[in-house]
């Protein structure tokens, strides 16, 4: 069953986690590398697990894995064998699953101590007997531009056709599905042709689901200039697309983008924008300041517009996710 649909049948909102890579950097990691957060799959996987746990503890219903920039070709370019690359990509899912299962077992034990449930033996099902769902593990599938690590994920100017993008995405998607991810988070997609390619790959794996989340350049257009409305309209017809939305985008564009999506699909809408600071993909630096408004208050506005999966992207923190959970409760 579509795991997002299952959660939203029992709960009004699915809270996503916040940033992984910039949170790792905030906690001392050096990610100045073409592998970005995937670098720590090699150097410090326990720190990745710690960040997952921190987000679960403040209320996240989903962990997005550290595989955004993890590809076989990317690891091979760093001197790893293909088999080592495969192991590292799947390790990103295993780290998140282990962190989730440890958290959930502890949560269930604590919840039952405080609010005993008669006659229930299954401690790990995300049903309405608990006050939150068992968190999902969403395997991050970054765009082709993330592999290039040249900022083109914010432009979409790859000069590749749909079949070439299918061939690029297929190996990693297969590995992430086989590793046991609950769903794929196909995120920061800058162009519709890449979304179409990902959907074509997804159809090779019946019973698998993904959300498709675009990066946007303004309040109506995704990064390469196409209308978000047209993207939502195309994705609407595809059953394995569990949600459609926007991430890694400026906060001020989110309300209008939600309005464009909601008029073109009845699929759940996912939004997880950046903190308010601006990223320069050329210098790989951040400028400006985080939005002064409470992140949870903004989430409330996005919810009222129609978003049902809400979290944070770059430079957001566990505190931001805690604010979402607090105000939406």
C-alpha atoms as a PDB file:
ATOM      1  CA  UNK A   1       0.000   0.000   0.000  1.00  0.00           C
ATOM      2  CA  UNK A   2       1.062   3.564  -0.649  1.00  0.00           C
ATOM      3  CA  UNK A   3       2.758   4.398   2.685  1.00  0.00           C
ATOM      4  CA  UNK A   4       1.916   8.108   2.564  1.00  0.00           C
ATOM      5  CA  UNK A   5      -1.745   7.370   1.918  1.00  0.00           C
ATOM      6  CA  UNK A   6      -1.727   4.977   4.865  1.00  0.00           C
ATOM      7  CA  UNK A   7      -0.355   7.593   7.261  1.00  0.00           C
ATOM      8  CA  UNK A   8      -2.675  10.338   6.027  1.00  0.00           C
ATOM      9  CA  UNK A   9      -5.666   8.059   6.587  1.00  0.00           C
ATOM     10  CA  UNK A  10      -4.810   8.081  10.293  1.00  0.00           C
ATOM     11  CA  UNK A  11      -3.167  11.476  10.813  1.00  0.00           C
ATOM     12  CA  UNK A  12      -3.834  14.937   9.328  1.00  0.00           C
ATOM     13  CA  UNK A  13      -0.174  15.714   8.616  1.00  0.00           C
ATOM     14  CA  UNK A  14       3.051  13.841   7.927  1.00  0.00           C
ATOM     15  CA  UNK A  15       5.999  15.751   9.419  1.00  0.00           C
ATOM     16  CA  UNK A  16       9.219  15.323   7.465  1.00  0.00           C
ATOM     17  CA  UNK A  17      12.699  15.810   8.862  1.00  0.00           C
ATOM     18  CA  UNK A  18      14.890  18.831   8.196  1.00  0.00           C
ATOM     19  CA  UNK A  19      18.268  19.283   6.549  1.00  0.00           C
ATOM     20  CA  UNK A  20      20.744  16.429   6.634  1.00  0.00           C
ATOM     21  CA  UNK A  21      23.909  17.839   5.045  1.00  0.00           C
ATOM     22  CA  UNK A  22      23.814  21.322   6.550  1.00  0.00           C
ATOM     23  CA  UNK A  23      22.879  19.814   9.918  1.00  0.00           C
ATOM     24  CA  UNK A  24      25.897  17.500   9.698  1.00  0.00           C
ATOM     25  CA  UNK A  25      28.025  20.574   8.962  1.00  0.00           C
ATOM     26  CA  UNK A  26      26.467  22.408  11.913  1.00  0.00           C
ATOM     27  CA  UNK A  27      27.573  19.501  14.083  1.00  0.00           C
ATOM     28  CA  UNK A  28      31.158  19.705  12.830  1.00  0.00           C
ATOM     29  CA  UNK A  29      31.344  17.631   9.629  1.00  0.00           C
ATOM     30  CA  UNK A  30      33.376  18.845   6.651  1.00  0.00           C
ATOM     31  CA  UNK A  31      31.286  18.168   3.520  1.00  0.00           C
ATOM     32  CA  UNK A  32      33.292  20.209   1.023  1.00  0.00           C
ATOM     33  CA  UNK A  33      33.323  17.304  -1.399  1.00  0.00           C
ATOM     34  CA  UNK A  34      31.518  16.164  -4.540  1.00  0.00           C
ATOM     35  CA  UNK A  35      29.885  13.407  -2.465  1.00  0.00           C
ATOM     36  CA  UNK A  36      28.455  15.964   0.003  1.00  0.00           C
ATOM     37  CA  UNK A  37      26.570  14.196   2.821  1.00  0.00           C
ATOM     38  CA  UNK A  38      27.336  10.798   1.232  1.00  0.00           C
ATOM     39  CA  UNK A  39      30.950  11.410   2.279  1.00  0.00           C
ATOM     40  CA  UNK A  40      29.958  10.539   5.856  1.00  0.00           C
ATOM     41  CA  UNK A  41      28.642   7.139   4.801  1.00  0.00           C
ATOM     42  CA  UNK A  42      32.349   6.357   4.638  1.00  0.00           C
ATOM     43  CA  UNK A  43      33.821   8.568   7.354  1.00  0.00           C
ATOM     44  CA  UNK A  44      31.211   8.853  10.103  1.00  0.00           C
ATOM     45  CA  UNK A  45      27.968   6.908   9.584  1.00  0.00           C
ATOM     46  CA  UNK A  46      27.141   7.184  13.291  1.00  0.00           C
ATOM     47  CA  UNK A  47      26.792  10.957  12.952  1.00  0.00           C
ATOM     48  CA  UNK A  48      24.232  10.408  10.186  1.00  0.00           C
ATOM     49  CA  UNK A  49      22.348   8.040  12.500  1.00  0.00           C
ATOM     50  CA  UNK A  50      22.501  10.640  15.289  1.00  0.00           C
ATOM     51  CA  UNK A  51      20.912  13.273  13.064  1.00  0.00           C
ATOM     52  CA  UNK A  52      18.145  10.850  12.061  1.00  0.00           C
ATOM     53  CA  UNK A  53      17.480  10.137  15.741  1.00  0.00           C
ATOM     54  CA  UNK A  54      17.394  13.827  16.627  1.00  0.00           C
ATOM     55  CA  UNK A  55      14.709  14.446  14.033  1.00  0.00           C
ATOM     56  CA  UNK A  56      12.639  11.469  15.203  1.00  0.00           C
ATOM     57  CA  UNK A  57      12.840  12.689  18.786  1.00  0.00           C
ATOM     58  CA  UNK A  58      11.424  16.128  17.927  1.00  0.00           C
ATOM     59  CA  UNK A  59       8.531  14.632  15.963  1.00  0.00           C
ATOM     60  CA  UNK A  60       9.593  13.758  12.408  1.00  0.00           C
ATOM     61  CA  UNK A  61       7.453  11.046  10.821  1.00  0.00           C
ATOM     62  CA  UNK A  62       9.995  10.418   8.081  1.00  0.00           C
ATOM     63  CA  UNK A  63      13.769  10.226   7.711  1.00  0.00           C
ATOM     64  CA  UNK A  64      15.288  11.132   4.353  1.00  0.00           C
ATOM     65  CA  UNK A  65      18.476   9.151   3.772  1.00  0.00           C
ATOM     66  CA  UNK A  66      21.965  10.532   3.106  1.00  0.00           C
ATOM     67  CA  UNK A  67      21.922   9.270  -0.498  1.00  0.00           C
ATOM     68  CA  UNK A  68      21.082  12.533  -2.295  1.00  0.00           C
ATOM     69  CA  UNK A  69      24.521  12.750  -3.877  1.00  0.00           C
ATOM     70  CA  UNK A  70      25.388   9.024  -3.637  1.00  0.00           C
ATOM     71  CA  UNK A  71      25.780   7.319  -7.015  1.00  0.00           C
ATOM     72  CA  UNK A  72      27.877   4.427  -8.261  1.00  0.00           C
ATOM     73  CA  UNK A  73      29.687   6.706 -10.701  1.00  0.00           C
ATOM     74  CA  UNK A  74      30.321   9.289  -7.989  1.00  0.00           C
ATOM     75  CA  UNK A  75      31.900   6.774  -5.627  1.00  0.00           C
ATOM     76  CA  UNK A  76      33.925   5.137  -8.419  1.00  0.00           C
ATOM     77  CA  UNK A  77      35.307   8.562  -9.347  1.00  0.00           C
ATOM     78  CA  UNK A  78      36.578   8.763  -5.757  1.00  0.00           C
ATOM     79  CA  UNK A  79      38.449   5.475  -6.105  1.00  0.00           C
ATOM     80  CA  UNK A  80      35.909   3.006  -4.750  1.00  0.00           C
ATOM     81  CA  UNK A  81      35.023  -0.203  -6.536  1.00  0.00           C
ATOM     82  CA  UNK A  82      31.548  -0.691  -7.953  1.00  0.00           C
ATOM     83  CA  UNK A  83      30.754  -3.218  -5.219  1.00  0.00           C
ATOM     84  CA  UNK A  84      31.902  -0.787  -2.532  1.00  0.00           C
ATOM     85  CA  UNK A  85      29.718   1.903  -4.108  1.00  0.00           C
ATOM     86  CA  UNK A  86      26.694  -0.406  -4.061  1.00  0.00           C
ATOM     87  CA  UNK A  87      27.327  -1.205  -0.400  1.00  0.00           C
ATOM     88  CA  UNK A  88      27.570   2.480   0.547  1.00  0.00           C
ATOM     89  CA  UNK A  89      24.385   3.469  -1.293  1.00  0.00           C
ATOM     90  CA  UNK A  90      22.423   0.710   0.434  1.00  0.00           C
ATOM     91  CA  UNK A  91      24.100   1.538   3.738  1.00  0.00           C
ATOM     92  CA  UNK A  92      22.367   4.931   3.653  1.00  0.00           C
ATOM     93  CA  UNK A  93      19.017   3.143   3.903  1.00  0.00           C
ATOM     94  CA  UNK A  94      20.209   0.662   6.523  1.00  0.00           C
ATOM     95  CA  UNK A  95      21.459   3.479   8.780  1.00  0.00           C
ATOM     96  CA  UNK A  96      18.064   5.194   8.650  1.00  0.00           C
ATOM     97  CA  UNK A  97      16.123   1.956   9.190  1.00  0.00           C
ATOM     98  CA  UNK A  98      18.191   1.032  12.247  1.00  0.00           C
ATOM     99  CA  UNK A  99      17.809   4.537  13.721  1.00  0.00           C
ATOM    100  CA  UNK A 100      14.059   4.449  13.049  1.00  0.00           C
ATOM    101  CA  UNK A 101      13.554   0.994  14.534  1.00  0.00           C
ATOM    102  CA  UNK A 102      15.534   1.855  17.671  1.00  0.00           C
ATOM    103  CA  UNK A 103      13.555   5.048  18.129  1.00  0.00           C
ATOM    104  CA  UNK A 104      10.199   3.375  17.525  1.00  0.00           C
ATOM    105  CA  UNK A 105      10.825   0.504  19.921  1.00  0.00           C
ATOM    106  CA  UNK A 106      11.713   3.023  22.629  1.00  0.00           C
ATOM    107  CA  UNK A 107       8.699   5.194  21.800  1.00  0.00           C
ATOM    108  CA  UNK A 108       6.267   2.278  21.907  1.00  0.00           C
ATOM    109  CA  UNK A 109       7.623   1.081  25.237  1.00  0.00           C
ATOM    110  CA  UNK A 110       7.328   4.572  26.729  1.00  0.00           C
ATOM    111  CA  UNK A 111       3.887   5.186  25.235  1.00  0.00           C
ATOM    112  CA  UNK A 112       2.517   1.920  26.547  1.00  0.00           C
ATOM    113  CA  UNK A 113       3.891   2.611  29.989  1.00  0.00           C
ATOM    114  CA  UNK A 114       2.085   5.934  30.064  1.00  0.00           C
ATOM    115  CA  UNK A 115      -1.054   4.851  28.164  1.00  0.00           C
ATOM    116  CA  UNK A 116      -1.504   1.055  28.267  1.00  0.00           C
ATOM    117  CA  UNK A 117      -3.310  -0.469  25.290  1.00  0.00           C
ATOM    118  CA  UNK A 118      -5.235  -3.607  26.064  1.00  0.00           C
ATOM    119  CA  UNK A 119      -4.925  -6.608  23.803  1.00  0.00           C
ATOM    120  CA  UNK A 120      -2.342  -5.184  21.386  1.00  0.00           C
ATOM    121  CA  UNK A 121       0.680  -7.385  20.750  1.00  0.00           C
ATOM    122  CA  UNK A 122       2.089  -5.701  17.659  1.00  0.00           C
ATOM    123  CA  UNK A 123       4.485  -2.999  18.844  1.00  0.00           C
ATOM    124  CA  UNK A 124       5.623  -1.754  15.467  1.00  0.00           C
ATOM    125  CA  UNK A 125       2.540  -0.896  13.402  1.00  0.00           C
ATOM    126  CA  UNK A 126       1.797   2.774  12.609  1.00  0.00           C
ATOM    127  CA  UNK A 127      -1.865   2.666  13.548  1.00  0.00           C
ATOM    128  CA  UNK A 128      -4.121   5.174  15.242  1.00  0.00           C
ATOM    129  CA  UNK A 129      -3.587   3.469  18.593  1.00  0.00           C
ATOM    130  CA  UNK A 130      -0.509   5.708  18.994  1.00  0.00           C
ATOM    131  CA  UNK A 131      -0.364   9.497  18.861  1.00  0.00           C
ATOM    132  CA  UNK A 132       2.051   9.433  15.922  1.00  0.00           C
ATOM    133  CA  UNK A 133       2.796   7.045  13.035  1.00  0.00           C
ATOM    134  CA  UNK A 134       5.771   4.755  12.864  1.00  0.00           C
ATOM    135  CA  UNK A 135       8.230   6.893  10.866  1.00  0.00           C
ATOM    136  CA  UNK A 136       8.991   6.065   7.269  1.00  0.00           C
ATOM    137  CA  UNK A 137      12.432   5.820   5.699  1.00  0.00           C
ATOM    138  CA  UNK A 138      12.491   7.791   2.449  1.00  0.00           C
ATOM    139  CA  UNK A 139      15.500   7.074   0.253  1.00  0.00           C
ATOM    140  CA  UNK A 140      16.799  10.309  -1.227  1.00  0.00           C
ATOM    141  CA  UNK A 141      17.183  10.350  -5.012  1.00  0.00           C
ATOM    142  CA  UNK A 142      18.887  13.562  -6.005  1.00  0.00           C
ATOM    143  CA  UNK A 143      18.832  14.900  -9.578  1.00  0.00           C
ATOM    144  CA  UNK A 144      21.495  14.311 -12.191  1.00  0.00           C
ATOM    145  CA  UNK A 145      22.827  17.762 -11.395  1.00  0.00           C
ATOM    146  CA  UNK A 146      23.666  16.663  -7.851  1.00  0.00           C
ATOM    147  CA  UNK A 147      25.976  14.001  -9.296  1.00  0.00           C
ATOM    148  CA  UNK A 148      27.653  16.680 -11.422  1.00  0.00           C
ATOM    149  CA  UNK A 149      28.050  18.828  -8.270  1.00  0.00           C
ATOM    150  CA  UNK A 150      28.182  21.975 -10.416  1.00  0.00           C
ATOM    151  CA  UNK A 151      24.963  23.682  -9.389  1.00  0.00           C
ATOM    152  CA  UNK A 152      22.994  22.429 -12.393  1.00  0.00           C
ATOM    153  CA  UNK A 153      20.383  20.888 -10.112  1.00  0.00           C
ATOM    154  CA  UNK A 154      19.183  24.495  -9.794  1.00  0.00           C
ATOM    155  CA  UNK A 155      19.117  25.005 -13.573  1.00  0.00           C
ATOM    156  CA  UNK A 156      18.275  21.670 -15.210  1.00  0.00           C
ATOM    157  CA  UNK A 157      20.453  22.417 -18.239  1.00  0.00           C
ATOM    158  CA  UNK A 158      21.879  18.908 -18.591  1.00  0.00           C
ATOM    159  CA  UNK A 159      21.543  18.456 -22.356  1.00  0.00           C
ATOM    160  CA  UNK A 160      20.448  14.866 -21.703  1.00  0.00           C
ATOM    161  CA  UNK A 161      17.343  13.239 -23.119  1.00  0.00           C
ATOM    162  CA  UNK A 162      14.775  11.217 -21.171  1.00  0.00           C
ATOM    163  CA  UNK A 163      16.371   7.850 -21.973  1.00  0.00           C
ATOM    164  CA  UNK A 164      19.791   9.015 -20.791  1.00  0.00           C
ATOM    165  CA  UNK A 165      18.241  10.175 -17.526  1.00  0.00           C
ATOM    166  CA  UNK A 166      16.430   6.836 -17.168  1.00  0.00           C
ATOM    167  CA  UNK A 167      19.752   5.040 -17.572  1.00  0.00           C
ATOM    168  CA  UNK A 168      21.361   7.318 -14.974  1.00  0.00           C
ATOM    169  CA  UNK A 169      18.660   6.910 -12.326  1.00  0.00           C
ATOM    170  CA  UNK A 170      17.836   3.196 -12.714  1.00  0.00           C
ATOM    171  CA  UNK A 171      20.822   1.623 -10.849  1.00  0.00           C
ATOM    172  CA  UNK A 172      20.523   3.771  -7.720  1.00  0.00           C
ATOM    173  CA  UNK A 173      16.737   3.534  -7.556  1.00  0.00           C
ATOM    174  CA  UNK A 174      16.948  -0.248  -7.787  1.00  0.00           C
ATOM    175  CA  UNK A 175      19.569  -0.377  -5.015  1.00  0.00           C
ATOM    176  CA  UNK A 176      17.549   1.871  -2.710  1.00  0.00           C
ATOM    177  CA  UNK A 177      14.373  -0.149  -3.219  1.00  0.00           C
ATOM    178  CA  UNK A 178      16.218  -3.418  -2.636  1.00  0.00           C
ATOM    179  CA  UNK A 179      17.763  -1.983   0.538  1.00  0.00           C
ATOM    180  CA  UNK A 180      14.286  -1.726   2.057  1.00  0.00           C
ATOM    181  CA  UNK A 181      13.332   1.953   1.824  1.00  0.00           C
ATOM    182  CA  UNK A 182       9.639   2.557   2.486  1.00  0.00           C
ATOM    183  CA  UNK A 183       9.433   5.172  -0.244  1.00  0.00           C
ATOM    184  CA  UNK A 184      11.714   7.187  -2.525  1.00  0.00           C
ATOM    185  CA  UNK A 185      12.196  10.925  -2.023  1.00  0.00           C
ATOM    186  CA  UNK A 186      13.002  12.128  -5.539  1.00  0.00           C
ATOM    187  CA  UNK A 187      13.939  15.658  -4.630  1.00  0.00           C
ATOM    188  CA  UNK A 188      15.254  18.973  -5.921  1.00  0.00           C
ATOM    189  CA  UNK A 189      14.256  17.933  -9.441  1.00  0.00           C
ATOM    190  CA  UNK A 190      14.804  20.948 -11.737  1.00  0.00           C
ATOM    191  CA  UNK A 191      13.004  19.862 -14.920  1.00  0.00           C
ATOM    192  CA  UNK A 192       9.990  17.818 -15.968  1.00  0.00           C
ATOM    193  CA  UNK A 193      11.983  15.567 -18.300  1.00  0.00           C
ATOM    194  CA  UNK A 194      13.905  14.282 -15.288  1.00  0.00           C
ATOM    195  CA  UNK A 195      10.694  13.689 -13.347  1.00  0.00           C
ATOM    196  CA  UNK A 196       9.325  11.760 -16.312  1.00  0.00           C
ATOM    197  CA  UNK A 197      12.481   9.652 -16.449  1.00  0.00           C
ATOM    198  CA  UNK A 198      12.232   8.826 -12.743  1.00  0.00           C
ATOM    199  CA  UNK A 199       8.582   7.804 -13.117  1.00  0.00           C
ATOM    200  CA  UNK A 200       9.495   5.518 -16.030  1.00  0.00           C
ATOM    201  CA  UNK A 201      12.127   3.832 -13.827  1.00  0.00           C
ATOM    202  CA  UNK A 202       9.661   3.559 -10.956  1.00  0.00           C
ATOM    203  CA  UNK A 203       7.238   1.701 -13.216  1.00  0.00           C
ATOM    204  CA  UNK A 204       9.867  -1.028 -13.587  1.00  0.00           C
ATOM    205  CA  UNK A 205       9.371  -1.755  -9.856  1.00  0.00           C
ATOM    206  CA  UNK A 206       5.653  -2.381  -9.260  1.00  0.00           C
ATOM    207  CA  UNK A 207       4.542  -1.756  -5.691  1.00  0.00           C
ATOM    208  CA  UNK A 208       7.187   0.906  -5.143  1.00  0.00           C
ATOM    209  CA  UNK A 209       6.264   4.534  -4.500  1.00  0.00           C
ATOM    210  CA  UNK A 210       7.979   7.908  -4.621  1.00  0.00           C
ATOM    211  CA  UNK A 211       7.288  11.531  -4.032  1.00  0.00           C
ATOM    212  CA  UNK A 212       8.504  13.920  -6.712  1.00  0.00           C
ATOM    213  CA  UNK A 213       9.668  17.266  -5.374  1.00  0.00           C
ATOM    214  CA  UNK A 214      10.938  20.076  -7.586  1.00  0.00           C
ATOM    215  CA  UNK A 215      13.232  23.011  -6.901  1.00  0.00           C
ATOM    216  CA  UNK A 216      11.648  26.312  -7.958  1.00  0.00           C
ATOM    217  CA  UNK A 217      13.030  29.626  -9.195  1.00  0.00           C
ATOM    218  CA  UNK A 218       9.970  31.720  -8.362  1.00  0.00           C
ATOM    219  CA  UNK A 219       6.361  31.370  -7.240  1.00  0.00           C
ATOM    220  CA  UNK A 220       5.173  29.616 -10.416  1.00  0.00           C
ATOM    221  CA  UNK A 221       8.143  28.013 -12.167  1.00  0.00           C
ATOM    222  CA  UNK A 222      10.516  25.177 -11.371  1.00  0.00           C
ATOM    223  CA  UNK A 223      14.232  25.760 -11.776  1.00  0.00           C
ATOM    224  CA  UNK A 224      14.453  25.344 -15.560  1.00  0.00           C
ATOM    225  CA  UNK A 225      11.491  27.686 -16.130  1.00  0.00           C
ATOM    226  CA  UNK A 226       8.667  25.170 -16.643  1.00  0.00           C
ATOM    227  CA  UNK A 227       5.344  25.786 -14.904  1.00  0.00           C
ATOM    228  CA  UNK A 228       4.877  23.826 -11.672  1.00  0.00           C
ATOM    229  CA  UNK A 229       1.223  23.498 -12.692  1.00  0.00           C
ATOM    230  CA  UNK A 230       2.208  21.554 -15.822  1.00  0.00           C
ATOM    231  CA  UNK A 231       4.465  19.288 -13.767  1.00  0.00           C
ATOM    232  CA  UNK A 232       1.690  18.516 -11.287  1.00  0.00           C
ATOM    233  CA  UNK A 233      -0.756  17.876 -14.132  1.00  0.00           C
ATOM    234  CA  UNK A 234       1.596  15.339 -15.773  1.00  0.00           C
ATOM    235  CA  UNK A 235       2.399  13.530 -12.514  1.00  0.00           C
ATOM    236  CA  UNK A 236      -1.252  13.311 -11.492  1.00  0.00           C
ATOM    237  CA  UNK A 237      -1.900  10.358 -13.810  1.00  0.00           C
ATOM    238  CA  UNK A 238       0.853   8.164 -12.346  1.00  0.00           C
ATOM    239  CA  UNK A 239      -0.272   5.938  -9.480  1.00  0.00           C
ATOM    240  CA  UNK A 240       3.213   5.240  -8.091  1.00  0.00           C
ATOM    241  CA  UNK A 241       3.782   8.965  -7.508  1.00  0.00           C
ATOM    242  CA  UNK A 242       2.585   9.203  -3.915  1.00  0.00           C
ATOM    243  CA  UNK A 243       2.984  12.977  -3.518  1.00  0.00           C
ATOM    244  CA  UNK A 244       4.036  16.020  -5.526  1.00  0.00           C
ATOM    245  CA  UNK A 245       5.700  19.150  -4.287  1.00  0.00           C
ATOM    246  CA  UNK A 246       8.579  21.544  -3.754  1.00  0.00           C
ATOM    247  CA  UNK A 247      11.825  21.509  -1.787  1.00  0.00           C
ATOM    248  CA  UNK A 248      15.116  23.409  -1.596  1.00  0.00           C
ATOM    249  CA  UNK A 249      13.274  26.611  -2.502  1.00  0.00           C
ATOM    250  CA  UNK A 250      12.883  30.059  -0.979  1.00  0.00           C
ATOM    251  CA  UNK A 251      10.199  30.316   1.695  1.00  0.00           C
ATOM    252  CA  UNK A 252       8.350  33.213   0.068  1.00  0.00           C
ATOM    253  CA  UNK A 253       7.495  31.158  -3.032  1.00  0.00           C
ATOM    254  CA  UNK A 254       5.877  28.239  -1.210  1.00  0.00           C
ATOM    255  CA  UNK A 255       2.249  29.474  -0.748  1.00  0.00           C
ATOM    256  CA  UNK A 256       1.779  30.288  -4.441  1.00  0.00           C
ATOM    257  CA  UNK A 257       3.470  27.066  -5.559  1.00  0.00           C
ATOM    258  CA  UNK A 258       1.111  25.040  -3.364  1.00  0.00           C
ATOM    259  CA  UNK A 259      -1.852  26.841  -4.954  1.00  0.00           C
ATOM    260  CA  UNK A 260      -0.553  25.953  -8.429  1.00  0.00           C
ATOM    261  CA  UNK A 261      -0.135  22.287  -7.504  1.00  0.00           C
ATOM    262  CA  UNK A 262      -3.435  21.826  -5.672  1.00  0.00           C
ATOM    263  CA  UNK A 263      -5.432  22.979  -8.701  1.00  0.00           C
ATOM    264  CA  UNK A 264      -3.782  20.348 -10.919  1.00  0.00           C
ATOM    265  CA  UNK A 265      -3.677  17.201  -8.777  1.00  0.00           C
ATOM    266  CA  UNK A 266      -5.404  15.686  -5.784  1.00  0.00           C
ATOM    267  CA  UNK A 267      -2.246  13.870  -4.729  1.00  0.00           C
ATOM    268  CA  UNK A 268      -0.836  14.871  -1.329  1.00  0.00           C
ATOM    269  CA  UNK A 269       1.394  17.932  -1.550  1.00  0.00           C
ATOM    270  CA  UNK A 270       4.878  17.823  -0.040  1.00  0.00           C
ATOM    271  CA  UNK A 271       6.814  20.975   0.847  1.00  0.00           C
ATOM    272  CA  UNK A 272      10.153  21.341   2.575  1.00  0.00           C
ATOM    273  CA  UNK A 273      11.784  24.659   1.724  1.00  0.00           C
ATOM    274  CA  UNK A 274      15.086  26.109   2.839  1.00  0.00           C
ATOM    275  CA  UNK A 275      15.494  28.166   6.005  1.00  0.00           C
ATOM    276  CA  UNK A 276      15.445  31.546   4.273  1.00  0.00           C
ATOM    277  CA  UNK A 277      19.149  31.873   3.545  1.00  0.00           C
ATOM    278  CA  UNK A 278      20.275  31.974  -0.096  1.00  0.00           C
ATOM    279  CA  UNK A 279      22.707  29.419  -1.575  1.00  0.00           C
ATOM    280  CA  UNK A 280      25.322  30.325  -4.177  1.00  0.00           C
ATOM    281  CA  UNK A 281      26.013  27.096  -6.118  1.00  0.00           C
ATOM    282  CA  UNK A 282      29.153  28.579  -7.677  1.00  0.00           C
ATOM    283  CA  UNK A 283      30.916  29.394  -4.420  1.00  0.00           C
ATOM    284  CA  UNK A 284      28.983  26.733  -2.460  1.00  0.00           C
ATOM    285  CA  UNK A 285      28.277  29.253   0.296  1.00  0.00           C
ATOM    286  CA  UNK A 286      25.171  30.553   2.089  1.00  0.00           C
ATOM    287  CA  UNK A 287      24.216  34.208   2.422  1.00  0.00           C
ATOM    288  CA  UNK A 288      21.565  36.184   4.248  1.00  0.00           C
ATOM    289  CA  UNK A 289      19.604  35.145   7.314  1.00  0.00           C
ATOM    290  CA  UNK A 290      17.039  32.569   8.299  1.00  0.00           C
ATOM    291  CA  UNK A 291      13.462  33.782   8.297  1.00  0.00           C
ATOM    292  CA  UNK A 292      12.589  35.410  11.611  1.00  0.00           C
ATOM    293  CA  UNK A 293       9.035  34.031  11.582  1.00  0.00           C
ATOM    294  CA  UNK A 294       8.472  30.829  13.534  1.00  0.00           C
ATOM    295  CA  UNK A 295       8.896  27.922  11.100  1.00  0.00           C
ATOM    296  CA  UNK A 296       5.862  26.196  12.593  1.00  0.00           C
ATOM    297  CA  UNK A 297       3.678  29.237  11.927  1.00  0.00           C
ATOM    298  CA  UNK A 298       4.716  29.123   8.278  1.00  0.00           C
ATOM    299  CA  UNK A 299       3.973  25.401   8.195  1.00  0.00           C
ATOM    300  CA  UNK A 300       0.484  26.190   9.447  1.00  0.00           C
ATOM    301  CA  UNK A 301      -0.010  28.504   6.460  1.00  0.00           C
ATOM    302  CA  UNK A 302       1.262  25.831   4.045  1.00  0.00           C
ATOM    303  CA  UNK A 303      -1.114  23.316   5.612  1.00  0.00           C
ATOM    304  CA  UNK A 304      -4.041  25.680   5.170  1.00  0.00           C
ATOM    305  CA  UNK A 305      -3.121  26.003   1.486  1.00  0.00           C
ATOM    306  CA  UNK A 306      -3.183  22.214   1.063  1.00  0.00           C
ATOM    307  CA  UNK A 307       0.233  20.774   1.964  1.00  0.00           C
ATOM    308  CA  UNK A 308       0.064  17.494   3.888  1.00  0.00           C
ATOM    309  CA  UNK A 309       3.764  16.527   4.078  1.00  0.00           C
ATOM    310  CA  UNK A 310       5.793  19.347   5.607  1.00  0.00           C
ATOM    311  CA  UNK A 311       9.434  19.526   6.657  1.00  0.00           C
ATOM    312  CA  UNK A 312      12.597  21.490   6.018  1.00  0.00           C
ATOM    313  CA  UNK A 313      15.451  21.453   3.530  1.00  0.00           C
ATOM    314  CA  UNK A 314      18.821  23.227   3.611  1.00  0.00           C
ATOM    315  CA  UNK A 315      19.821  25.032   6.821  1.00  0.00           C
ATOM    316  CA  UNK A 316      16.717  23.932   8.714  1.00  0.00           C
ATOM    317  CA  UNK A 317      17.332  22.212  12.038  1.00  0.00           C
ATOM    318  CA  UNK A 318      15.656  19.879  14.536  1.00  0.00           C
ATOM    319  CA  UNK A 319      14.319  23.001  16.261  1.00  0.00           C
ATOM    320  CA  UNK A 320      12.421  23.966  13.107  1.00  0.00           C
ATOM    321  CA  UNK A 321      10.856  20.504  12.892  1.00  0.00           C
ATOM    322  CA  UNK A 322       9.950  20.683  16.576  1.00  0.00           C
ATOM    323  CA  UNK A 323       8.140  23.964  15.842  1.00  0.00           C
ATOM    324  CA  UNK A 324       6.121  22.293  13.079  1.00  0.00           C
ATOM    325  CA  UNK A 325       5.142  19.458  15.397  1.00  0.00           C
ATOM    326  CA  UNK A 326       4.262  21.787  18.245  1.00  0.00           C
ATOM    327  CA  UNK A 327       2.072  24.222  16.342  1.00  0.00           C
ATOM    328  CA  UNK A 328       0.342  21.585  14.216  1.00  0.00           C
ATOM    329  CA  UNK A 329      -0.557  19.584  17.316  1.00  0.00           C
END
